[in-house]
Amino acid sequence: MRLLKRLVAVGCLFAGPAWAGEAPRSVVELFTSQGCSSCPPADRLASELAPDDRMLVLTLAVDYWDYLGWKDTLASPANSARQRAYAMARGDRKVFTPQIVVNGRESAVGGDRKAVEAAIARAEGSGGLALPVALKIEDGRLEVEVAAPRGPLKERHGEVWAFAIQKSRPVEIGKGENAGRHVVYANVVRHMTRLGAWEGAPAKFEIAADEVMSPDSDSLAVLVQAGNGGQPGGVLGAARADAEAPPAPAVVPTTTSRLSREPY
């Protein structure tokens, strides 16, 4: 019964198409750490970029700086592994914070606004993301539809991933290099789930919403990406669904009783 209630509640959070406005033309992944003194400017930049519907911004906190005196409260080993896999796939083996990866292909210093904006412009100038992706949740199930590419696409194999994200997460950093800082993180990735393989043709994926969402996530993103989880390639398509508050329960009139007038 508890599982059923959770599925229904999650299903009520989403309505309509995955992307309310323009489909994203780029995916911007920021690898950051609360223990990195150079990261706060990059965190602010990500927050400034996040409202732009032309791009999907994701913040992935890594755990490899935890030994510096502060354990990152949002970090995940999976995020660190994803960053290292990108470096291997690019061939440059560069892993650092803050680092931004655009469309899974190009790396830039996360706090360098000009470099990041130039990388985004190059990604969008090359045609953006070729695969249209639709995303919705109905009856407690996540449904993802990948359509035919808009144009020629050399990649014909890849994977579909769901990212449970928290749109805004404030953190008070108590120790380490950023001790005393108040940082607000945008679109924090809280959980990643592989939905299946994409083989170059239109496809549909379904899974229980309960299996992809996390207790503190309030939004969901889906990426179609070349390569595989161990060596991810370029992002081919993306969609996002923002959570909405479930409707308030109807007020049912009741007769006045002595109990209803008593203070709690």
Foldseek 3Di string as FASTA:
>chain_A
DVVLVVLVQVQLFFDDKQQPDDFALKEKEWEAEPQDLPAQLLQVVLLVCCVDNNYHYEYAYAQPNCVQKHGGPQHDPLSVLQQQLLCVLQPNSDDDPGWMDMQSHDIDHSNPVVVVVVVVCVSVVVPGAFWEKIWHHHSQKIKIKIAAGPDDDPFQKWWKKKFFWAQWDWDQTCDHPNHRDIGIGGGYTRFMDTQGMGGRHIDMTMDGPVVHYDPRGFKMKMWTFGDYSNRTHGTRGMGMTGTDRRDDDDDDDDDDDPVVPDDD
